[in-house]
């Protein structure tokens, strides 16, 4: 499951959706006002979060079912084993070190978007966390006011006006869209060719990094397939992912 699925904006949207669904309309003489129609809620020209383009829905639903079985019966047990073996303190050190390596993508995409303040902050984080933080195991840069400037190539494309395109469910990776899928491929290619791990030029190191990074990302995501209790979980995830990514490309 993609780490981008559950973010604060997406959790807020989920809370609003659940709250809205739990309120039944009153009927009878004590009715204050009739329920609003769809046209009154979604006006012409406004984005409709429920109307997400899904041109390959058949494939996407198949990928969603595959991800459910893959995650529940294979990947999540591996993550639980990782959490059992490593104490929380060690898990945090691993997460920090991986985040420090991942700053390469943040520098690159902030630069591509001409966000020079983001480039400067990220370079400052790299310098401080790689030295004082001992290879990124600790994050002293954040308490100093240098917060993480997260960017990816999907956001870079959105920054220059590229639309989301159709919704896509990637096997093993989870929710995405056409733009973000292209961005994911570019980020992965750039990291493998010129990123920090490529400097080592060792297949075993690259494979170990990829595996540990995947486990760490899944470890940080509290979401579990079918735990929403909704028979429309596919549509719910599609909506939340789209809202989340729209909020991350405000410009």
C-alpha atoms as a PDB file:
ATOM      1  CA  UNK A   1       0.000   0.000   0.000  1.00  0.00           C
ATOM      2  CA  UNK A   2       1.254   3.316  -0.998  1.00  0.00           C
ATOM      3  CA  UNK A   3       2.477   5.533   1.804  1.00  0.00           C
ATOM      4  CA  UNK A   4       0.477   8.397   0.284  1.00  0.00           C
ATOM      5  CA  UNK A   5      -2.838   6.896   1.051  1.00  0.00           C
ATOM      6  CA  UNK A   6      -3.456   8.137   4.600  1.00  0.00           C
ATOM      7  CA  UNK A   7      -2.399  11.717   5.393  1.00  0.00           C
ATOM      8  CA  UNK A   8      -3.996  14.305   7.707  1.00  0.00           C
ATOM      9  CA  UNK A   9      -6.104  15.762   4.877  1.00  0.00           C
ATOM     10  CA  UNK A  10      -7.329  12.307   3.926  1.00  0.00           C
ATOM     11  CA  UNK A  11      -8.135  11.418   7.571  1.00  0.00           C
ATOM     12  CA  UNK A  12     -10.096  14.651   7.914  1.00  0.00           C
ATOM     13  CA  UNK A  13     -12.068  13.801   4.770  1.00  0.00           C
ATOM     14  CA  UNK A  14     -12.768  10.303   6.127  1.00  0.00           C
ATOM     15  CA  UNK A  15     -13.979  11.741   9.427  1.00  0.00           C
ATOM     16  CA  UNK A  16     -16.300  14.130   7.645  1.00  0.00           C
ATOM     17  CA  UNK A  17     -17.614  11.314   5.459  1.00  0.00           C
ATOM     18  CA  UNK A  18     -18.332   9.067   8.455  1.00  0.00           C
ATOM     19  CA  UNK A  19     -19.929  11.919  10.370  1.00  0.00           C
ATOM     20  CA  UNK A  20     -22.102  12.778   7.416  1.00  0.00           C
ATOM     21  CA  UNK A  21     -23.184   9.191   6.855  1.00  0.00           C
ATOM     22  CA  UNK A  22     -24.154   8.769  10.527  1.00  0.00           C
ATOM     23  CA  UNK A  23     -26.774  11.536  10.478  1.00  0.00           C
ATOM     24  CA  UNK A  24     -30.235  10.445   9.362  1.00  0.00           C
ATOM     25  CA  UNK A  25     -32.669  13.035   7.971  1.00  0.00           C
ATOM     26  CA  UNK A  26     -35.669  13.939  10.147  1.00  0.00           C
ATOM     27  CA  UNK A  27     -39.138  13.500   8.695  1.00  0.00           C
ATOM     28  CA  UNK A  28     -42.548  14.691   9.812  1.00  0.00           C
ATOM     29  CA  UNK A  29     -43.807  18.005  11.095  1.00  0.00           C
ATOM     30  CA  UNK A  30     -40.631  18.807  13.057  1.00  0.00           C
ATOM     31  CA  UNK A  31     -38.481  18.829   9.931  1.00  0.00           C
ATOM     32  CA  UNK A  32     -36.410  22.017   9.887  1.00  0.00           C
ATOM     33  CA  UNK A  33     -35.318  21.963   6.263  1.00  0.00           C
ATOM     34  CA  UNK A  34     -35.304  19.454   3.430  1.00  0.00           C
ATOM     35  CA  UNK A  35     -32.102  17.695   2.461  1.00  0.00           C
ATOM     36  CA  UNK A  36     -30.091  19.570  -0.155  1.00  0.00           C
ATOM     37  CA  UNK A  37     -29.896  18.172  -3.644  1.00  0.00           C
ATOM     38  CA  UNK A  38     -26.666  17.167  -5.344  1.00  0.00           C
ATOM     39  CA  UNK A  39     -26.840  20.239  -7.596  1.00  0.00           C
ATOM     40  CA  UNK A  40     -27.075  22.494  -4.538  1.00  0.00           C
ATOM     41  CA  UNK A  41     -23.980  20.925  -2.987  1.00  0.00           C
ATOM     42  CA  UNK A  42     -21.798  20.658  -6.092  1.00  0.00           C
ATOM     43  CA  UNK A  43     -22.096  23.754  -8.203  1.00  0.00           C
ATOM     44  CA  UNK A  44     -21.129  24.103 -11.826  1.00  0.00           C
ATOM     45  CA  UNK A  45     -17.394  24.463 -12.289  1.00  0.00           C
ATOM     46  CA  UNK A  46     -16.527  23.079  -8.852  1.00  0.00           C
ATOM     47  CA  UNK A  47     -14.527  19.895  -8.357  1.00  0.00           C
ATOM     48  CA  UNK A  48     -16.581  16.888  -7.291  1.00  0.00           C
ATOM     49  CA  UNK A  49     -14.524  14.637  -4.975  1.00  0.00           C
ATOM     50  CA  UNK A  50     -16.842  11.699  -5.670  1.00  0.00           C
ATOM     51  CA  UNK A  51     -16.481  11.949  -9.435  1.00  0.00           C
ATOM     52  CA  UNK A  52     -12.964  10.528  -9.863  1.00  0.00           C
ATOM     53  CA  UNK A  53     -12.063   9.450 -13.422  1.00  0.00           C
ATOM     54  CA  UNK A  54     -11.547   5.689 -13.407  1.00  0.00           C
ATOM     55  CA  UNK A  55     -11.051   4.618 -17.032  1.00  0.00           C
ATOM     56  CA  UNK A  56      -9.641   1.176 -16.165  1.00  0.00           C
ATOM     57  CA  UNK A  57     -11.931   0.355 -13.269  1.00  0.00           C
ATOM     58  CA  UNK A  58     -12.038  -3.356 -14.107  1.00  0.00           C
ATOM     59  CA  UNK A  59      -8.269  -3.664 -13.832  1.00  0.00           C
ATOM     60  CA  UNK A  60      -8.184  -1.416 -10.771  1.00  0.00           C
ATOM     61  CA  UNK A  61     -10.709  -3.499  -8.863  1.00  0.00           C
ATOM     62  CA  UNK A  62      -8.723  -6.629  -9.694  1.00  0.00           C
ATOM     63  CA  UNK A  63      -5.535  -4.937  -8.442  1.00  0.00           C
ATOM     64  CA  UNK A  64      -7.374  -3.824  -5.307  1.00  0.00           C
ATOM     65  CA  UNK A  65      -8.402  -7.438  -4.573  1.00  0.00           C
ATOM     66  CA  UNK A  66      -4.846  -8.635  -5.257  1.00  0.00           C
ATOM     67  CA  UNK A  67      -3.461  -6.011  -2.887  1.00  0.00           C
ATOM     68  CA  UNK A  68      -5.865  -7.136  -0.177  1.00  0.00           C
ATOM     69  CA  UNK A  69      -4.583 -10.730  -0.310  1.00  0.00           C
ATOM     70  CA  UNK A  70      -0.959  -9.708  -0.839  1.00  0.00           C
ATOM     71  CA  UNK A  71      -1.026  -7.329   2.115  1.00  0.00           C
ATOM     72  CA  UNK A  72      -3.015  -9.448   4.569  1.00  0.00           C
ATOM     73  CA  UNK A  73      -1.402 -12.804   3.904  1.00  0.00           C
ATOM     74  CA  UNK A  74       2.157 -11.912   2.891  1.00  0.00           C
ATOM     75  CA  UNK A  75       3.425  -8.379   3.356  1.00  0.00           C
ATOM     76  CA  UNK A  76       1.730  -7.331   6.577  1.00  0.00           C
ATOM     77  CA  UNK A  77       2.899 -10.486   8.429  1.00  0.00           C
ATOM     78  CA  UNK A  78       6.461  -9.556   7.387  1.00  0.00           C
ATOM     79  CA  UNK A  79       5.925  -6.058   8.779  1.00  0.00           C
ATOM     80  CA  UNK A  80       4.538  -7.471  12.035  1.00  0.00           C
ATOM     81  CA  UNK A  81       7.649  -9.664  12.306  1.00  0.00           C
ATOM     82  CA  UNK A  82       9.830  -6.596  11.770  1.00  0.00           C
ATOM     83  CA  UNK A  83       7.934  -4.752  14.519  1.00  0.00           C
ATOM     84  CA  UNK A  84       8.277  -7.775  16.837  1.00  0.00           C
ATOM     85  CA  UNK A  85      12.047  -8.094  16.365  1.00  0.00           C
ATOM     86  CA  UNK A  86      12.921  -4.376  16.558  1.00  0.00           C
ATOM     87  CA  UNK A  87      11.853  -2.259  19.544  1.00  0.00           C
ATOM     88  CA  UNK A  88      10.052   1.021  18.733  1.00  0.00           C
ATOM     89  CA  UNK A  89      13.194   3.057  19.441  1.00  0.00           C
ATOM     90  CA  UNK A  90      15.155   1.097  16.811  1.00  0.00           C
ATOM     91  CA  UNK A  91      12.250   1.360  14.359  1.00  0.00           C
ATOM     92  CA  UNK A  92      12.370   5.150  14.691  1.00  0.00           C
ATOM     93  CA  UNK A  93      16.107   5.175  13.978  1.00  0.00           C
ATOM     94  CA  UNK A  94      15.559   3.137  10.806  1.00  0.00           C
ATOM     95  CA  UNK A  95      12.771   5.470   9.677  1.00  0.00           C
ATOM     96  CA  UNK A  96      14.928   8.546  10.267  1.00  0.00           C
ATOM     97  CA  UNK A  97      17.882   7.096   8.365  1.00  0.00           C
ATOM     98  CA  UNK A  98      15.699   6.168   5.392  1.00  0.00           C
ATOM     99  CA  UNK A  99      14.104   9.623   5.419  1.00  0.00           C
ATOM    100  CA  UNK A 100      17.570  11.145   5.335  1.00  0.00           C
ATOM    101  CA  UNK A 101      18.490   9.106   2.253  1.00  0.00           C
ATOM    102  CA  UNK A 102      15.168  10.081   0.685  1.00  0.00           C
ATOM    103  CA  UNK A 103      16.033  13.775   0.942  1.00  0.00           C
ATOM    104  CA  UNK A 104      17.734  13.292  -2.449  1.00  0.00           C
ATOM    105  CA  UNK A 105      14.315  13.203  -4.126  1.00  0.00           C
ATOM    106  CA  UNK A 106      13.117  16.209  -2.128  1.00  0.00           C
ATOM    107  CA  UNK A 107      16.114  18.291  -3.214  1.00  0.00           C
ATOM    108  CA  UNK A 108      15.672  17.279  -6.842  1.00  0.00           C
ATOM    109  CA  UNK A 109      11.941  17.984  -7.055  1.00  0.00           C
ATOM    110  CA  UNK A 110      12.091  21.226  -5.089  1.00  0.00           C
ATOM    111  CA  UNK A 111      14.775  22.342  -7.539  1.00  0.00           C
ATOM    112  CA  UNK A 112      12.684  21.290 -10.545  1.00  0.00           C
ATOM    113  CA  UNK A 113       9.800  23.363  -9.167  1.00  0.00           C
ATOM    114  CA  UNK A 114      12.165  26.314  -8.587  1.00  0.00           C
ATOM    115  CA  UNK A 115      11.319  26.263  -4.884  1.00  0.00           C
ATOM    116  CA  UNK A 116      14.712  27.499  -3.798  1.00  0.00           C
ATOM    117  CA  UNK A 117      13.674  27.907  -0.170  1.00  0.00           C
ATOM    118  CA  UNK A 118      12.742  24.207  -0.132  1.00  0.00           C
ATOM    119  CA  UNK A 119      16.096  23.323  -1.697  1.00  0.00           C
ATOM    120  CA  UNK A 120      17.964  25.329   0.940  1.00  0.00           C
ATOM    121  CA  UNK A 121      16.001  23.834   3.836  1.00  0.00           C
ATOM    122  CA  UNK A 122      16.490  20.298   2.535  1.00  0.00           C
ATOM    123  CA  UNK A 123      20.224  20.771   2.041  1.00  0.00           C
ATOM    124  CA  UNK A 124      20.412  22.153   5.568  1.00  0.00           C
ATOM    125  CA  UNK A 125      18.559  19.103   6.869  1.00  0.00           C
ATOM    126  CA  UNK A 126      20.933  16.797   5.025  1.00  0.00           C
ATOM    127  CA  UNK A 127      23.988  18.522   6.468  1.00  0.00           C
ATOM    128  CA  UNK A 128      22.719  18.594  10.057  1.00  0.00           C
ATOM    129  CA  UNK A 129      21.109  15.147  10.152  1.00  0.00           C
ATOM    130  CA  UNK A 130      24.009  13.437   8.364  1.00  0.00           C
ATOM    131  CA  UNK A 131      26.546  14.844  10.839  1.00  0.00           C
ATOM    132  CA  UNK A 132      25.013  15.751  14.192  1.00  0.00           C
ATOM    133  CA  UNK A 133      22.247  13.209  13.586  1.00  0.00           C
ATOM    134  CA  UNK A 134      24.808  10.470  12.785  1.00  0.00           C
ATOM    135  CA  UNK A 135      23.888   9.432   9.217  1.00  0.00           C
ATOM    136  CA  UNK A 136      20.297  10.473   9.793  1.00  0.00           C
ATOM    137  CA  UNK A 137      19.579   8.105  12.681  1.00  0.00           C
ATOM    138  CA  UNK A 138      18.336  11.164  14.572  1.00  0.00           C
ATOM    139  CA  UNK A 139      16.590  14.271  13.252  1.00  0.00           C
ATOM    140  CA  UNK A 140      17.974  17.330  15.083  1.00  0.00           C
ATOM    141  CA  UNK A 141      17.109  19.531  12.076  1.00  0.00           C
ATOM    142  CA  UNK A 142      13.357  19.520  12.735  1.00  0.00           C
ATOM    143  CA  UNK A 143      13.572  21.006  16.268  1.00  0.00           C
ATOM    144  CA  UNK A 144      15.802  23.696  14.737  1.00  0.00           C
ATOM    145  CA  UNK A 145      12.921  24.717  12.445  1.00  0.00           C
ATOM    146  CA  UNK A 146      14.098  22.908   9.299  1.00  0.00           C
ATOM    147  CA  UNK A 147      10.999  20.842   8.583  1.00  0.00           C
ATOM    148  CA  UNK A 148      10.954  18.194   5.882  1.00  0.00           C
ATOM    149  CA  UNK A 149      10.097  19.631   2.432  1.00  0.00           C
ATOM    150  CA  UNK A 150       8.487  16.542   0.924  1.00  0.00           C
ATOM    151  CA  UNK A 151       8.178  16.540  -2.863  1.00  0.00           C
ATOM    152  CA  UNK A 152       7.985  13.942  -5.631  1.00  0.00           C
ATOM    153  CA  UNK A 153       7.889  14.034  -9.407  1.00  0.00           C
ATOM    154  CA  UNK A 154       4.121  13.572  -9.459  1.00  0.00           C
ATOM    155  CA  UNK A 155       3.802  16.842  -7.533  1.00  0.00           C
ATOM    156  CA  UNK A 156       6.352  18.424  -9.849  1.00  0.00           C
ATOM    157  CA  UNK A 157       4.190  17.511 -12.849  1.00  0.00           C
ATOM    158  CA  UNK A 158       1.141  18.898 -11.022  1.00  0.00           C
ATOM    159  CA  UNK A 159       3.053  22.084 -10.242  1.00  0.00           C
ATOM    160  CA  UNK A 160       3.383  22.678 -13.994  1.00  0.00           C
ATOM    161  CA  UNK A 161      -0.282  22.023 -14.693  1.00  0.00           C
ATOM    162  CA  UNK A 162      -0.376  18.309 -15.494  1.00  0.00           C
ATOM    163  CA  UNK A 163      -3.724  16.895 -14.375  1.00  0.00           C
ATOM    164  CA  UNK A 164      -4.264  13.761 -12.325  1.00  0.00           C
ATOM    165  CA  UNK A 165      -5.504  11.684 -15.219  1.00  0.00           C
ATOM    166  CA  UNK A 166      -7.374   8.464 -14.572  1.00  0.00           C
ATOM    167  CA  UNK A 167      -7.283   6.735 -11.196  1.00  0.00           C
ATOM    168  CA  UNK A 168      -4.935   3.744 -11.068  1.00  0.00           C
ATOM    169  CA  UNK A 169      -4.469   0.987  -8.511  1.00  0.00           C
ATOM    170  CA  UNK A 170      -0.917  -0.326  -8.714  1.00  0.00           C
ATOM    171  CA  UNK A 171      -0.342  -3.951  -7.658  1.00  0.00           C
ATOM    172  CA  UNK A 172       1.525  -3.960  -4.309  1.00  0.00           C
ATOM    173  CA  UNK A 173       1.863  -0.145  -4.323  1.00  0.00           C
ATOM    174  CA  UNK A 174      -1.811   0.766  -3.956  1.00  0.00           C
ATOM    175  CA  UNK A 175      -3.795   3.863  -5.037  1.00  0.00           C
ATOM    176  CA  UNK A 176      -2.298   6.192  -7.630  1.00  0.00           C
ATOM    177  CA  UNK A 177      -3.283   7.989 -10.813  1.00  0.00           C
ATOM    178  CA  UNK A 178      -1.806   8.355 -14.284  1.00  0.00           C
ATOM    179  CA  UNK A 179       0.294  11.392 -13.372  1.00  0.00           C
ATOM    180  CA  UNK A 180       1.587   9.972 -10.097  1.00  0.00           C
ATOM    181  CA  UNK A 181       2.374   6.602 -11.685  1.00  0.00           C
ATOM    182  CA  UNK A 182       4.605   8.360 -14.211  1.00  0.00           C
ATOM    183  CA  UNK A 183       6.118  10.391 -11.386  1.00  0.00           C
ATOM    184  CA  UNK A 184       6.805   7.264  -9.347  1.00  0.00           C
ATOM    185  CA  UNK A 185       8.614   5.672 -12.296  1.00  0.00           C
ATOM    186  CA  UNK A 186      10.759   8.785 -12.865  1.00  0.00           C
ATOM    187  CA  UNK A 187      11.635   9.109  -9.166  1.00  0.00           C
ATOM    188  CA  UNK A 188      12.591   5.432  -8.964  1.00  0.00           C
ATOM    189  CA  UNK A 189      14.711   5.623 -12.128  1.00  0.00           C
ATOM    190  CA  UNK A 190      16.486   8.788 -10.983  1.00  0.00           C
ATOM    191  CA  UNK A 191      17.197   7.335  -7.549  1.00  0.00           C
ATOM    192  CA  UNK A 192      18.539   4.062  -8.972  1.00  0.00           C
ATOM    193  CA  UNK A 193      20.780   5.846 -11.483  1.00  0.00           C
ATOM    194  CA  UNK A 194      22.142   8.825  -9.559  1.00  0.00           C
ATOM    195  CA  UNK A 195      20.757   8.526  -6.024  1.00  0.00           C
ATOM    196  CA  UNK A 196      22.803   7.802  -2.885  1.00  0.00           C
ATOM    197  CA  UNK A 197      22.355   4.020  -3.103  1.00  0.00           C
ATOM    198  CA  UNK A 198      23.666   4.041  -6.682  1.00  0.00           C
ATOM    199  CA  UNK A 199      26.931   5.517  -5.411  1.00  0.00           C
ATOM    200  CA  UNK A 200      27.652   2.239  -3.609  1.00  0.00           C
ATOM    201  CA  UNK A 201      27.279   0.266  -6.850  1.00  0.00           C
ATOM    202  CA  UNK A 202      26.431  -2.950  -5.029  1.00  0.00           C
ATOM    203  CA  UNK A 203      23.392  -5.049  -5.953  1.00  0.00           C
ATOM    204  CA  UNK A 204      23.035  -6.464  -2.456  1.00  0.00           C
ATOM    205  CA  UNK A 205      22.977  -3.007  -0.892  1.00  0.00           C
ATOM    206  CA  UNK A 206      20.387  -1.776  -3.391  1.00  0.00           C
ATOM    207  CA  UNK A 207      18.151  -4.818  -2.816  1.00  0.00           C
ATOM    208  CA  UNK A 208      18.491  -4.504   0.965  1.00  0.00           C
ATOM    209  CA  UNK A 209      17.618  -0.830   0.849  1.00  0.00           C
ATOM    210  CA  UNK A 210      14.571  -1.467  -1.340  1.00  0.00           C
ATOM    211  CA  UNK A 211      13.273  -4.214   0.944  1.00  0.00           C
ATOM    212  CA  UNK A 212      13.856  -2.310   4.178  1.00  0.00           C
ATOM    213  CA  UNK A 213      12.354   0.858   2.712  1.00  0.00           C
ATOM    214  CA  UNK A 214       9.206  -1.010   1.651  1.00  0.00           C
ATOM    215  CA  UNK A 215       8.789  -2.604   5.092  1.00  0.00           C
ATOM    216  CA  UNK A 216       9.371   0.723   6.836  1.00  0.00           C
ATOM    217  CA  UNK A 217       6.810   2.524   4.667  1.00  0.00           C
ATOM    218  CA  UNK A 218       4.172  -0.127   5.363  1.00  0.00           C
ATOM    219  CA  UNK A 219       5.039  -0.037   9.069  1.00  0.00           C
ATOM    220  CA  UNK A 220       4.154   3.679   9.183  1.00  0.00           C
ATOM    221  CA  UNK A 221       0.715   3.224   7.586  1.00  0.00           C
ATOM    222  CA  UNK A 222      -2.032   2.306  10.100  1.00  0.00           C
ATOM    223  CA  UNK A 223      -4.477   1.411   7.328  1.00  0.00           C
ATOM    224  CA  UNK A 224      -5.629  -2.194   7.026  1.00  0.00           C
ATOM    225  CA  UNK A 225      -7.719  -3.446   4.098  1.00  0.00           C
ATOM    226  CA  UNK A 226     -11.410  -3.955   4.940  1.00  0.00           C
ATOM    227  CA  UNK A 227     -11.017  -2.419   8.390  1.00  0.00           C
ATOM    228  CA  UNK A 228     -13.110   0.573   7.310  1.00  0.00           C
ATOM    229  CA  UNK A 229     -16.215  -1.588   7.585  1.00  0.00           C
ATOM    230  CA  UNK A 230     -17.540  -0.005   4.418  1.00  0.00           C
ATOM    231  CA  UNK A 231     -18.851  -2.107   1.528  1.00  0.00           C
ATOM    232  CA  UNK A 232     -17.640   0.739  -0.692  1.00  0.00           C
ATOM    233  CA  UNK A 233     -14.030   0.729   0.464  1.00  0.00           C
ATOM    234  CA  UNK A 234     -12.737   0.817  -3.119  1.00  0.00           C
ATOM    235  CA  UNK A 235     -14.651   4.035  -3.828  1.00  0.00           C
ATOM    236  CA  UNK A 236     -13.670   5.448  -0.431  1.00  0.00           C
ATOM    237  CA  UNK A 237      -9.948   4.916  -1.030  1.00  0.00           C
ATOM    238  CA  UNK A 238     -10.263   6.340  -4.520  1.00  0.00           C
ATOM    239  CA  UNK A 239     -11.871   9.505  -3.187  1.00  0.00           C
ATOM    240  CA  UNK A 240      -9.464   9.941  -0.254  1.00  0.00           C
ATOM    241  CA  UNK A 241      -6.393   9.448  -2.416  1.00  0.00           C
ATOM    242  CA  UNK A 242      -7.630  12.010  -4.936  1.00  0.00           C
ATOM    243  CA  UNK A 243      -8.402  14.552  -2.195  1.00  0.00           C
ATOM    244  CA  UNK A 244      -5.018  13.984  -0.602  1.00  0.00           C
ATOM    245  CA  UNK A 245      -3.072  14.515  -3.819  1.00  0.00           C
ATOM    246  CA  UNK A 246      -5.114  17.575  -4.751  1.00  0.00           C
ATOM    247  CA  UNK A 247      -4.232  19.110  -1.392  1.00  0.00           C
ATOM    248  CA  UNK A 248      -0.534  18.419  -1.988  1.00  0.00           C
ATOM    249  CA  UNK A 249      -0.457  20.339  -5.285  1.00  0.00           C
ATOM    250  CA  UNK A 250      -2.086  23.638  -4.237  1.00  0.00           C
ATOM    251  CA  UNK A 251      -0.257  25.638  -6.907  1.00  0.00           C
END
